[in-house]
């Protein structure tokens, strides 16, 4: 019997800069899809902490500081799995998902 060694992958979503990215994070959160969120403001991160489904790591950090961004990635990876992308702007959103349309409609 082969052991499943698949490591979950998650995006790290920056909530500060683009409303479409915030909508995308909300859409993933509502669907219980694992994700990390980071913001420089507590007010943006708190909704992802409240009612957390165990599939979300919500952090407060200055993502313009490379050390803090790196630490956020490490923390999300320890909790949820490998961070495969950092999504900060609408142009960073994946093209191949129906959640992109959901986010832009929200």
Protein backbone atom coordinates (compact mmCIF):
# COMPACT_ATOMS: atom_id res chain seq x y z
CA UNK A 1 0.00 0.00 0.00
CA UNK A 2 1.42 3.36 -1.02
CA UNK A 3 1.32 6.17 1.51
CA UNK A 4 -0.20 9.43 0.31
CA UNK A 5 2.64 11.93 0.47
CA UNK A 6 0.82 14.73 -1.37
CA UNK A 7 1.49 18.02 0.40
CA UNK A 8 -1.45 20.43 0.28
CA UNK A 9 -0.79 23.67 -1.55
CA UNK A 10 -2.28 27.01 -0.59
CA UNK A 11 -2.22 30.60 -1.79
CA UNK A 12 -1.15 33.46 0.45
CA UNK A 13 -3.52 36.33 -0.23
CA UNK A 14 -2.62 39.94 0.58
CA UNK A 15 -5.79 41.76 1.60
CA UNK A 16 -4.51 45.35 1.50
CA UNK A 17 -4.31 46.48 -2.10
CA UNK A 18 -7.14 45.28 -4.31
CA UNK A 19 -10.86 44.76 -3.58
CA UNK A 20 -11.02 41.95 -6.16
CA UNK A 21 -8.36 40.04 -4.22
CA UNK A 22 -10.31 40.49 -0.98
CA UNK A 23 -13.42 39.15 -2.73
CA UNK A 24 -11.43 36.18 -4.00
CA UNK A 25 -10.19 35.42 -0.48
CA UNK A 26 -13.77 35.60 0.84
CA UNK A 27 -14.93 33.21 -1.90
CA UNK A 28 -12.22 30.66 -0.99
CA UNK A 29 -13.00 31.05 2.72
CA UNK A 30 -16.74 30.47 2.19
CA UNK A 31 -15.92 27.26 0.29
CA UNK A 32 -13.56 25.97 3.02
CA UNK A 33 -10.65 26.01 0.56
CA UNK A 34 -7.33 26.24 2.43
CA UNK A 35 -5.66 29.64 2.22
CA UNK A 36 -3.46 32.06 4.06
CA UNK A 37 -4.40 35.71 4.33
CA UNK A 38 -2.18 38.56 5.43
CA UNK A 39 -2.87 42.23 5.97
CA UNK A 40 -1.11 45.17 7.52
CA UNK A 41 -4.37 45.96 9.32
CA UNK A 42 -6.10 43.86 11.96
CA UNK A 43 -9.51 44.93 10.69
CA UNK A 44 -8.95 43.16 7.37
CA UNK A 45 -7.66 39.93 8.93
CA UNK A 46 -10.18 39.57 11.77
CA UNK A 47 -13.10 38.35 9.62
CA UNK A 48 -10.93 35.41 8.53
CA UNK A 49 -10.13 34.64 12.16
CA UNK A 50 -13.75 34.67 13.29
CA UNK A 51 -15.59 31.52 12.36
CA UNK A 52 -12.33 30.07 11.10
CA UNK A 53 -12.89 26.65 9.61
CA UNK A 54 -9.40 25.37 10.37
CA UNK A 55 -8.44 25.81 6.73
CA UNK A 56 -7.34 29.43 7.02
CA UNK A 57 -4.28 31.07 8.52
CA UNK A 58 -4.89 34.79 9.06
CA UNK A 59 -1.90 36.99 9.87
CA UNK A 60 -1.04 40.63 10.36
CA UNK A 61 2.28 41.70 8.81
CA UNK A 62 3.85 44.34 6.61
CA UNK A 63 4.13 42.54 3.28
CA UNK A 64 6.30 45.33 1.91
CA UNK A 65 8.97 44.16 4.37
CA UNK A 66 10.62 41.09 2.77
CA UNK A 67 11.42 39.55 6.16
CA UNK A 68 7.82 39.82 7.36
CA UNK A 69 6.48 38.43 4.10
CA UNK A 70 8.91 35.51 4.31
CA UNK A 71 7.85 34.83 7.90
CA UNK A 72 4.17 34.92 6.88
CA UNK A 73 4.89 32.32 4.20
CA UNK A 74 6.71 30.10 6.72
CA UNK A 75 3.84 30.33 9.21
CA UNK A 76 1.21 29.48 6.60
CA UNK A 77 3.29 26.53 5.36
CA UNK A 78 3.67 25.16 8.89
CA UNK A 79 -0.08 25.31 9.45
CA UNK A 80 -1.58 24.43 6.10
CA UNK A 81 0.89 23.31 3.44
CA UNK A 82 3.17 24.68 0.77
CA UNK A 83 2.47 28.24 -0.37
CA UNK A 84 2.34 28.12 -4.15
CA UNK A 85 1.46 31.73 -4.86
CA UNK A 86 1.23 35.16 -3.31
CA UNK A 87 -1.84 36.97 -4.61
CA UNK A 88 -1.81 40.72 -4.12
CA UNK A 89 -3.45 42.26 -7.20
CA UNK A 90 -6.28 41.23 -9.52
CA UNK A 91 -3.66 40.40 -12.15
CA UNK A 92 -2.30 37.73 -9.76
CA UNK A 93 -5.64 35.90 -9.58
CA UNK A 94 -5.66 32.50 -11.27
CA UNK A 95 -7.30 32.53 -14.69
CA UNK A 96 -8.39 28.91 -14.58
CA UNK A 97 -10.89 29.01 -11.75
CA UNK A 98 -14.57 29.77 -11.43
CA UNK A 99 -13.76 31.55 -8.17
CA UNK A 100 -12.27 34.44 -10.15
CA UNK A 101 -15.68 35.08 -11.67
CA UNK A 102 -17.29 34.73 -8.25
CA UNK A 103 -14.88 37.27 -6.80
CA UNK A 104 -15.50 39.83 -9.53
CA UNK A 105 -19.26 39.43 -9.14
CA UNK A 106 -19.18 39.96 -5.37
